[in-house]
Protein backbone atom coordinates (compact mmCIF):
# COMPACT_ATOMS: atom_id res chain seq x y z
CA MET A 1 -66.74 35.91 20.44
CA LYS A 2 -68.77 34.92 23.54
CA ASN A 3 -72.11 36.22 22.26
CA CYS A 4 -71.42 34.65 18.85
CA TYR A 5 -70.73 31.29 20.49
CA LEU A 6 -73.96 31.48 22.52
CA LYS A 7 -75.96 32.36 19.43
CA ARG A 8 -74.52 29.41 17.53
CA PHE A 9 -75.06 27.10 20.52
CA TRP A 10 -78.77 27.83 20.61
CA MET A 11 -78.98 27.49 16.82
CA LEU A 12 -77.43 24.04 17.18
CA VAL A 13 -79.84 23.08 19.99
CA ALA A 14 -82.78 24.11 17.82
CA ALA A 15 -81.37 22.14 14.89
CA LEU A 16 -80.95 19.04 17.06
CA CYS A 17 -84.58 19.29 18.12
CA VAL A 18 -85.63 19.53 14.50
CA SER A 19 -83.31 16.62 13.71
CA PHE A 20 -84.99 14.40 16.30
CA ALA A 21 -88.39 15.07 14.78
CA PHE A 22 -86.91 14.75 11.28
CA ILE A 23 -85.45 11.28 11.97
CA SER A 24 -88.57 10.08 13.78
CA CYS A 25 -90.78 11.05 10.84
CA GLU A 26 -88.37 9.51 8.36
CA GLU A 27 -88.21 6.21 10.18
CA SER A 28 -91.97 6.01 10.68
CA ASP A 29 -92.66 6.91 7.03
CA GLU A 30 -90.07 4.83 5.24
CA GLY A 31 -88.64 2.30 7.63
CA ALA A 32 -85.05 1.74 8.72
CA ALA A 33 -82.19 4.03 7.77
CA VAL A 34 -79.83 2.87 5.01
CA ASP A 35 -76.04 2.64 5.28
CA HIS A 36 -73.72 3.88 2.54
CA ASP A 37 -72.79 1.35 -0.15
CA PRO A 38 -69.30 2.25 -1.51
CA THR A 39 -69.97 0.26 -4.71
CA LYS A 40 -72.86 2.52 -5.69
CA PRO A 41 -72.91 6.20 -6.64
CA ILE A 42 -74.39 9.04 -4.64
CA THR A 43 -77.45 10.60 -6.23
CA LEU A 44 -78.95 13.98 -5.42
CA ALA A 45 -82.65 14.76 -5.84
CA LYS A 46 -83.41 18.12 -4.23
CA PHE A 47 -82.71 20.46 -1.33
CA TRP A 48 -84.77 23.09 0.44
CA PRO A 49 -84.96 25.93 1.29
CA ASP A 50 -82.92 27.40 -1.56
CA LYS A 51 -81.76 30.51 0.30
CA GLY A 52 -80.95 31.71 3.80
CA PRO A 53 -78.30 33.11 6.19
CA ILE A 54 -75.82 31.35 8.45
CA ALA A 55 -77.19 28.25 10.25
CA THR A 56 -80.17 27.92 7.90
CA GLN A 57 -81.50 24.37 8.27
CA VAL A 58 -81.24 22.78 4.83
CA ILE A 59 -82.74 19.37 4.01
CA ILE A 60 -80.97 17.41 1.26
CA GLU A 61 -82.63 14.43 -0.41
CA GLY A 62 -80.96 11.76 -2.52
CA THR A 63 -79.59 8.25 -2.12
CA ASN A 64 -76.62 6.40 -0.65
CA PHE A 65 -75.57 9.05 1.89
CA GLY A 66 -75.25 6.53 4.71
CA THR A 67 -76.07 7.32 8.33
CA ASN A 68 -72.61 8.01 9.78
CA VAL A 69 -72.32 11.80 9.67
CA ASP A 70 -68.58 11.57 10.46
CA GLU A 71 -68.08 10.00 7.03
CA ILE A 72 -70.15 12.56 5.14
CA THR A 73 -68.96 15.97 3.92
CA VAL A 74 -71.37 18.62 2.64
CA LEU A 75 -69.80 21.71 1.08
CA PHE A 76 -71.39 25.06 0.29
CA ASN A 77 -68.81 26.09 -2.30
CA GLU A 78 -65.62 25.38 -0.33
CA LYS A 79 -67.08 25.81 3.17
CA PRO A 80 -68.10 22.64 5.07
CA ALA A 81 -71.60 22.61 6.55
CA THR A 82 -72.47 21.17 9.95
CA ILE A 83 -74.30 17.88 9.39
CA ILE A 84 -76.94 17.30 12.06
CA SER A 85 -78.27 13.93 10.92
CA SER A 86 -78.66 11.55 7.99
CA THR A 87 -81.04 8.67 7.33
CA GLY A 88 -79.29 7.51 4.19
CA ASP A 89 -81.53 9.29 1.71
CA ARG A 90 -82.18 12.54 3.60
CA MET A 91 -79.85 14.85 5.51
CA LEU A 92 -80.29 17.89 7.74
CA VAL A 93 -77.39 20.36 7.54
CA LEU A 94 -76.68 23.94 8.68
CA ALA A 95 -75.48 26.54 6.19
CA PRO A 96 -71.91 27.60 7.09
CA LYS A 97 -70.68 31.15 7.69
CA LEU A 98 -69.98 33.25 4.59
CA PRO A 99 -69.55 30.55 1.94
CA GLY A 100 -70.23 33.04 -0.87
CA GLU A 101 -73.49 34.51 -2.05
CA GLU A 102 -74.11 31.87 -4.77
CA CYS A 103 -73.36 28.40 -3.43
CA VAL A 104 -72.94 25.08 -5.17
CA ILE A 105 -73.79 22.27 -2.71
CA THR A 106 -71.56 19.20 -2.95
CA VAL A 107 -72.02 15.92 -1.04
CA LYS A 108 -69.05 13.59 -0.48
CA VAL A 109 -68.98 10.15 1.15
CA GLY A 110 -65.69 8.30 0.94
CA ALA A 111 -64.54 8.31 -2.71
CA LYS A 112 -68.03 9.17 -4.00
CA SER A 113 -69.28 12.70 -4.59
CA ALA A 114 -72.09 14.57 -6.34
CA LYS A 115 -73.12 18.19 -6.68
CA PHE A 116 -76.35 20.03 -7.35
CA ASP A 117 -76.85 22.15 -10.45
CA LYS A 118 -79.26 24.32 -8.50
CA ILE A 119 -77.74 27.24 -6.53
CA PHE A 120 -78.26 28.01 -2.83
CA ASP A 121 -78.46 31.79 -2.35
CA TYR A 122 -76.62 32.72 0.84
CA ILE A 123 -77.96 35.81 2.63
CA VAL A 124 -75.22 37.91 4.23
CA GLN A 125 -76.24 39.52 7.52
CA THR A 126 -74.29 42.27 9.27
CA SER A 127 -75.21 43.48 12.75
CA VAL A 128 -73.84 45.87 15.37
CA SER A 129 -73.83 45.26 19.12
CA THR A 130 -72.22 46.76 22.21
CA ILE A 131 -69.59 44.69 24.00
CA ALA A 132 -68.68 47.09 26.80
CA GLY A 133 -69.40 50.64 27.88
CA GLY A 134 -72.01 52.98 26.46
CA ILE A 135 -72.37 55.39 29.40
CA GLN A 136 -69.79 57.87 30.63
CA ALA A 137 -68.58 56.87 34.11
CA ALA A 138 -67.59 59.18 36.95
CA ALA A 139 -64.17 57.52 37.31
CA GLN A 140 -61.96 55.26 35.22
CA PRO A 141 -62.23 51.56 36.24
CA THR A 142 -59.33 49.69 37.84
CA GLY A 143 -58.77 45.98 38.37
CA THR A 144 -60.91 43.34 36.64
CA VAL A 145 -64.51 44.23 35.83
CA SER A 146 -67.30 42.37 34.05
CA LEU A 147 -68.12 43.57 30.54
CA ALA A 148 -71.67 44.29 31.62
CA SER A 149 -70.57 46.73 34.34
CA TRP A 150 -67.49 48.33 32.74
CA GLN A 151 -67.90 52.00 31.79
CA SER A 152 -65.23 54.52 30.83
CA ALA A 153 -64.89 58.06 32.16
CA LYS A 154 -62.81 59.02 29.13
CA LYS A 155 -63.55 58.83 25.44
CA LEU A 156 -62.14 55.87 23.49
CA GLU A 157 -60.14 57.96 21.02
CA ARG A 158 -57.11 55.81 20.29
CA SER A 159 -56.29 52.78 18.15
CA LEU A 160 -57.16 49.28 19.31
CA ALA A 161 -55.00 46.14 19.15
CA ILE A 162 -55.92 42.44 19.15
CA ASP A 163 -53.76 39.33 19.61
CA SER A 164 -53.98 35.77 18.30
CA GLN A 165 -56.23 34.75 21.22
CA ASP A 166 -58.72 37.51 20.33
CA ASN A 167 -57.82 39.50 23.43
CA LEU A 168 -58.74 43.10 22.66
CA PHE A 169 -56.44 45.86 23.94
CA ILE A 170 -57.63 49.40 24.60
CA THR A 171 -55.61 52.44 25.61
CA ILE A 172 -57.33 55.37 27.30
CA ASN A 173 -55.57 58.65 27.88
CA GLY A 174 -55.98 61.49 30.34
CA ILE A 175 -56.49 59.33 33.45
CA GLU A 176 -56.72 61.62 36.47
CA GLY A 177 -55.03 61.08 39.80
CA GLY A 178 -51.76 59.66 38.47
CA SER A 179 -48.25 60.96 39.05
CA TRP A 180 -47.96 62.24 35.47
CA ASP A 181 -49.78 65.06 33.72
CA ASN A 182 -51.26 62.50 31.32
CA GLU A 183 -51.66 58.99 32.70
CA CYS A 184 -52.53 56.43 29.99
CA ARG A 185 -54.21 53.16 31.02
CA ILE A 186 -54.15 49.98 28.93
CA TYR A 187 -56.99 47.47 29.28
CA MET A 188 -57.44 43.92 27.99
CA LEU A 189 -60.95 42.76 27.05
CA ASN A 190 -61.72 39.05 26.81
CA GLU A 191 -65.25 38.53 25.57
CA GLU A 192 -65.28 34.77 26.10
CA ALA A 193 -64.42 35.25 29.79
CA GLY A 194 -66.78 38.25 29.98
CA VAL A 195 -64.26 40.56 31.66
CA ILE A 196 -62.09 43.59 31.01
CA LYS A 197 -58.91 44.07 33.02
CA ALA A 198 -56.76 47.13 33.68
CA LEU A 199 -53.22 45.97 32.83
CA HIS A 200 -50.79 48.85 32.98
CA ASP A 201 -50.54 52.63 33.31
CA VAL A 202 -48.05 54.52 31.15
CA GLY A 203 -47.05 58.04 32.15
CA ARG A 204 -46.76 60.80 29.54
CA TRP A 205 -45.96 64.45 30.20
CA PHE A 206 -47.61 65.45 26.95
CA GLY A 207 -49.44 63.75 24.08
CA PHE A 208 -51.00 60.32 24.37
CA ASN A 209 -50.20 56.62 24.22
CA ASN A 210 -50.50 54.33 21.17
CA ILE A 211 -50.63 50.52 21.08
CA SER A 212 -50.11 47.98 18.29
CA TYR A 213 -49.73 44.24 17.79
CA ASP A 214 -46.48 42.37 17.12
CA TYR A 215 -47.25 39.52 14.68
CA LYS A 216 -43.91 37.86 15.40
CA THR A 217 -44.09 37.52 19.19
CA ASP A 218 -47.87 37.77 19.70
CA GLU A 219 -47.38 40.67 22.10
CA VAL A 220 -48.76 44.21 22.22
CA TYR A 221 -46.40 47.22 22.25
CA TRP A 222 -46.89 50.82 23.26
CA LEU A 223 -45.21 54.02 22.07
CA GLY A 224 -46.04 57.65 22.80
CA SER A 225 -47.41 60.16 20.32
CA GLN A 226 -44.86 62.88 21.08
CA MET A 227 -41.76 63.04 18.91
CA GLY A 228 -38.78 63.05 21.24
CA ASP A 229 -40.68 61.00 23.85
CA ASP A 230 -39.48 57.62 22.62
CA GLY A 231 -40.09 55.39 25.60
CA TYR A 232 -41.69 52.10 24.56
CA GLY A 233 -42.70 48.81 26.14
CA CYS A 234 -44.80 45.69 25.77
CA LEU A 235 -47.48 43.62 27.44
CA SER A 236 -45.88 40.20 27.82
CA ARG A 237 -47.99 37.06 27.50
CA MET A 238 -45.21 35.18 29.29
CA SER A 239 -45.78 37.41 32.33
CA ASP A 240 -49.58 37.37 32.34
CA TYR A 241 -49.67 40.56 30.23
CA ALA A 242 -47.67 42.58 32.74
CA GLY A 243 -46.40 45.85 31.31
CA ILE A 244 -42.64 45.87 30.69
CA SER A 245 -40.88 49.16 29.94
CA MET A 246 -38.09 48.61 27.41
CA GLY A 247 -36.28 51.94 27.41
CA ASN A 248 -36.09 54.42 24.54
CA LEU A 249 -35.81 53.98 20.81
CA SER A 250 -32.25 54.27 19.50
CA TRP A 251 -32.33 56.33 16.28
CA ASP A 252 -29.88 56.26 13.42
CA GLN A 253 -31.13 59.81 12.81
CA MET A 254 -34.10 61.44 14.51
CA PRO A 255 -36.92 62.22 12.05
CA PRO A 256 -37.47 65.96 11.69
CA TYR A 257 -40.18 67.57 13.82
CA THR A 258 -41.18 70.96 15.13
CA ASP A 259 -40.37 71.30 18.83
CA ASN A 260 -43.66 72.77 20.03
CA MET A 261 -47.24 71.62 20.60
CA THR A 262 -47.31 70.23 17.05
CA CYS A 263 -45.05 67.35 18.04
CA TRP A 264 -47.17 66.30 21.04
CA GLY A 265 -49.60 64.39 18.83
CA ALA A 266 -47.21 63.66 15.96
CA ARG A 267 -47.62 59.86 16.00
CA SER A 268 -51.26 58.72 16.00
CA HIS A 269 -50.64 55.08 15.09
CA PHE A 270 -47.92 52.55 14.31
CA GLU A 271 -48.23 49.20 12.57
CA MET A 272 -45.98 46.17 12.02
CA ASN A 273 -44.90 45.20 8.52
CA PRO A 274 -45.35 41.39 8.39
CA SER A 275 -42.36 41.06 6.05
CA ASP A 276 -39.64 42.63 8.18
CA GLY A 277 -41.17 42.52 11.67
CA LYS A 278 -40.70 46.26 12.23
CA PHE A 279 -43.20 48.89 13.32
CA TYR A 280 -43.82 51.82 10.96
CA PHE A 281 -45.31 55.23 11.68
CA PHE A 282 -46.03 58.44 9.76
CA THR A 283 -46.36 61.81 11.49
CA ASN A 284 -48.56 64.87 11.20
CA GLU A 285 -45.64 66.76 9.62
CA GLY A 286 -44.83 64.16 6.97
CA SER A 287 -41.95 62.47 8.76
CA ALA A 288 -41.70 58.69 8.82
CA GLY A 289 -39.83 56.04 10.77
CA ARG A 290 -39.63 52.37 11.59
CA TRP A 291 -38.30 50.51 14.60
CA ASP A 292 -37.45 46.97 15.58
CA PRO A 293 -39.29 46.01 18.80
CA ALA A 294 -36.72 43.31 19.55
CA THR A 295 -33.76 45.72 19.67
CA GLY A 296 -35.25 49.21 19.90
CA LYS A 297 -33.20 50.32 16.90
CA ALA A 298 -35.06 52.91 14.85
CA GLU A 299 -34.55 54.27 11.33
CA ASN A 300 -35.54 57.63 9.87
CA LEU A 301 -37.50 57.12 6.63
CA SER A 302 -38.44 60.77 6.12
CA SER A 303 -38.07 62.33 2.68
CA ASP A 304 -39.72 64.79 0.35
CA VAL A 305 -41.94 61.88 -0.72
CA THR A 306 -43.24 61.10 2.77
CA LYS A 307 -43.76 64.84 3.24
CA GLU A 308 -46.63 64.50 0.75
CA MET A 309 -48.50 62.47 3.41
CA GLU A 310 -48.38 65.28 5.94
CA GLY A 311 -51.44 64.98 8.17
CA ASP A 312 -52.75 63.24 11.28
CA CYS A 313 -51.94 59.68 10.15
CA ALA A 314 -54.42 57.73 12.28
CA GLY A 315 -54.33 54.40 10.42
CA VAL A 316 -51.70 52.23 8.71
CA VAL A 317 -52.18 48.91 6.89
CA PHE A 318 -49.87 46.97 4.59
CA ASP A 319 -51.05 45.56 1.29
CA PRO A 320 -51.65 41.81 1.85
CA LYS A 321 -50.09 40.89 -1.50
CA ASP A 322 -47.16 43.31 -1.43
CA ASN A 323 -45.85 44.50 1.93
CA ASN A 324 -43.79 47.20 0.18
CA ILE A 325 -47.09 49.02 -0.27
CA VAL A 326 -48.58 50.74 2.76
CA TYR A 327 -51.89 52.57 3.04
CA VAL A 328 -52.04 55.54 5.41
CA SER A 329 -55.25 57.27 6.49
CA ALA A 330 -54.69 61.00 6.97
CA LYS A 331 -57.43 62.05 9.34
CA ASN A 332 -57.31 65.82 8.81
CA ARG A 333 -56.69 65.44 5.06
CA HIS A 334 -59.82 63.26 4.67
CA CYS A 335 -58.12 60.74 2.43
CA ILE A 336 -56.03 57.56 2.32
CA PHE A 337 -52.56 57.66 0.82
CA LYS A 338 -50.76 54.80 -0.92
CA PHE A 339 -47.01 54.73 -0.29
CA ASP A 340 -44.97 52.36 -2.47
CA MET A 341 -41.71 51.96 -0.60
CA ALA A 342 -40.07 50.02 -3.45
CA SER A 343 -40.58 52.81 -5.99
CA ASN A 344 -40.58 55.58 -3.35
CA THR A 345 -43.83 57.09 -4.63
CA VAL A 346 -46.94 58.44 -2.90
CA GLU A 347 -50.42 58.96 -4.31
CA VAL A 348 -53.88 59.72 -2.99
CA TRP A 349 -55.44 56.27 -3.13
CA ALA A 350 -58.96 56.80 -1.78
CA GLY A 351 -60.95 59.97 -1.18
CA LYS A 352 -59.97 63.51 -2.12
CA LYS A 353 -57.20 65.28 -0.25
CA ASN A 354 -58.48 68.18 1.89
CA SER A 355 -62.07 67.52 0.79
CA ALA A 356 -64.31 66.22 3.59
CA GLY A 357 -67.61 64.59 2.71
CA PHE A 358 -69.44 61.34 2.26
CA LEU A 359 -69.77 59.37 -0.95
CA ASP A 360 -69.57 55.68 -1.79
CA GLY A 361 -68.11 54.72 -5.16
CA ALA A 362 -64.80 54.26 -6.97
CA LEU A 363 -61.59 55.13 -5.13
CA ASP A 364 -61.15 58.47 -6.89
CA GLU A 365 -64.82 59.42 -6.39
CA ALA A 366 -65.39 58.33 -2.78
CA LEU A 367 -65.30 60.87 0.04
CA PHE A 368 -64.29 60.46 3.68
CA ASN A 369 -64.47 62.69 6.73
CA GLU A 370 -61.59 62.15 9.15
CA PRO A 371 -60.73 58.48 8.45
CA CYS A 372 -58.98 56.85 11.40
CA GLN A 373 -57.76 53.31 12.15
CA MET A 374 -57.96 50.71 9.38
CA ALA A 375 -57.87 46.89 9.26
CA CYS A 376 -57.45 44.41 6.41
CA ASP A 377 -58.70 40.84 5.97
CA GLY A 378 -56.95 40.23 2.64
CA GLU A 379 -60.02 41.09 0.57
CA TYR A 380 -61.19 44.37 2.08
CA ILE A 381 -59.69 47.31 3.94
CA TYR A 382 -62.06 48.51 6.65
CA VAL A 383 -61.99 52.15 7.73
CA ALA A 384 -63.32 53.88 10.83
CA ASP A 385 -64.71 56.98 9.08
CA SER A 386 -64.99 58.96 12.29
CA ASN A 387 -66.72 62.19 11.33
CA ASN A 388 -69.12 60.38 9.00
CA HIS A 389 -70.02 58.19 12.00
CA CYS A 390 -69.79 54.95 10.06
CA ILE A 391 -67.57 52.03 9.07
CA ARG A 392 -66.51 51.90 5.41
CA LYS A 393 -64.94 49.07 3.44
CA ILE A 394 -62.77 49.15 0.33
CA ASN A 395 -62.71 46.17 -2.03
CA LEU A 396 -59.04 45.67 -2.93
CA ALA A 397 -59.91 43.80 -6.14
CA THR A 398 -62.39 46.30 -7.57
CA GLY A 399 -61.40 49.52 -5.81
CA TYR A 400 -64.98 50.18 -4.73
CA VAL A 401 -65.75 51.99 -1.46
CA SER A 402 -69.00 51.14 0.33
CA THR A 403 -70.57 51.60 3.76
CA LEU A 404 -70.56 48.49 5.95
CA ALA A 405 -72.20 49.80 9.11
CA GLY A 406 -73.70 52.98 10.48
CA VAL A 407 -75.96 55.69 9.11
CA ALA A 408 -73.58 58.02 7.31
CA GLN A 409 -73.37 61.59 8.64
CA SER A 410 -75.79 60.75 11.46
CA ALA A 411 -74.29 60.48 14.94
CA GLY A 412 -76.15 58.33 17.44
CA TYR A 413 -76.12 55.16 19.49
CA VAL A 414 -78.22 52.34 18.01
CA ASN A 415 -77.50 48.61 17.85
CA GLY A 416 -79.02 46.13 15.39
CA ASP A 417 -78.97 45.79 11.63
CA ALA A 418 -75.72 47.32 10.38
CA LEU A 419 -77.16 49.89 8.00
CA ASN A 420 -79.64 51.14 10.62
CA ALA A 421 -77.14 51.12 13.49
CA GLN A 422 -75.52 54.36 14.63
CA PHE A 423 -72.06 55.33 15.86
CA ASN A 424 -70.67 58.58 17.24
CA LYS A 425 -67.14 59.20 15.97
CA PRO A 426 -65.74 55.66 15.68
CA MET A 427 -61.94 55.88 15.80
CA GLY A 428 -60.32 52.54 16.69
CA LEU A 429 -60.95 49.40 14.62
CA VAL A 430 -59.51 45.85 14.53
CA LEU A 431 -60.47 42.42 13.14
CA ASP A 432 -60.63 39.25 15.21
CA SER A 433 -59.86 35.71 14.02
CA GLU A 434 -63.48 35.12 12.94
CA GLY A 435 -63.74 38.29 10.87
CA ASN A 436 -65.65 40.35 13.44
CA LEU A 437 -64.78 44.04 13.64
CA TYR A 438 -64.30 45.70 17.02
CA VAL A 439 -64.78 49.45 17.11
CA ALA A 440 -63.76 52.10 19.64
CA ASP A 441 -66.89 54.27 19.42
CA SER A 442 -65.35 57.34 21.02
CA GLU A 443 -68.25 59.70 21.75
CA ASN A 444 -70.44 56.79 22.90
CA TYR A 445 -67.71 55.64 25.34
CA ALA A 446 -68.27 52.12 24.01
CA ILE A 447 -66.65 49.11 22.39
CA ARG A 448 -68.92 47.94 19.58
CA ARG A 449 -68.82 44.79 17.46
CA VAL A 450 -69.71 44.58 13.77
CA ALA A 451 -70.40 40.93 12.91
CA THR A 452 -70.91 39.77 9.34
CA GLU A 453 -72.33 36.27 8.94
């Protein structure tokens, strides 16, 4: 977000400086620039360099480009490049973000177009940085605080949520000094503004608070972890994100649970199904339910089938192509289940049930160690693999599990190149609108960003 924008701003400034020198040399060497002639074809001669990451300055030579950059389109595969300048037979452009690793460069002016046979090799770069926190504070912050000065007294152990404006929501439990045994504080982080704001405190006698995003209303909802404690509410954008308590869920039939300490942490996460606009959760005892945030009406979905997913279900994502399929990460079972609601079947989808470890590879070979919150961008499912201290990704097309960021099985606190960076029990994880991952790095008391460009 903010840091990304600054980085790109300075890249653009540097490119403009190069462009000034580029145009000056061109004009002094070859005379006046040449406008586009719509009666003649575009020809392409060469481009250089032939590989690089985002914002690589690429020079394209040919003829009949014209000088009006607003009329020129340069594509790296399907992604448009930023055109800095054109003299008619030479252009300076910036490689776009993530166009694909092997890029065909196409130039279009009006009805004319041409493409190179030669390939531009795009270099993908993934890096990890800290957005807020990193040092345990003596007390939990209140009010509005700059990102640079915000520190948490409590570990960031719960799921994150993010809205359409890329506001990041964090819930922290166990706040001391409140009127409840377990005060839970919800924060909103806005990286562009450079601040994090305490929004609302939710009281819980036992258990902890969970938050999730409503795709329909663009609001964030909360619900407690304890079965039987069904008070819920939302942070309303219409009221400047003020917390609004909305009463208790109204069940058609309460899902079964054991009335002791087991039920205090029964619900570790809930997630909205984009198809029906209802929130779904799965409990540590294999119960399941869904509820409509608009009405508070809740349905028991528990069965012998959902019982097979018994475990601390810390992450839920719906298949982007079929919302009847839901993936559930069972933290203390070290695997990810696949629940097909249409056929009412459950299978171990990734990892090996009750077998902790670390291994990249095919779905049935890969190993996890306490997988927590997950996020999906349509192509990959990303997993906060907490006790392996890294972020994993699963290719939905190939079923291959790989490590995106972090040194597996090595806890630490290091920013930089993704595969050399270190986390310490990452638990919360969400995607923003630009494809950046935000991670609640619990034992480091930090919010980290994983940016792939």
